[in-house]
């Protein structure tokens, strides 16, 4: 099974929605990385979080995404 990362930040209601959607779609929660703790991640993701990344391929989808977009990442 692929490894997943959700780039997010504390207190982000969209990030909470994304994690809930991911859990419903994949049947699991994914590792959440708080971008506020890393300047490079803030520069890369600061204006587009939440971002879901499939680690093995490096493919990312930014919010807004839906169950169908998540399923496409699984394939």
Foldseek 3Di string as FASTA:
>chain_A
DWAKEWEDAPPDVVSVVVQVQCCVLVVDGHHYDDQVVDPVSCVVCVVFPGKMAGVVVRDIDTPPDHSVVVVVVVD
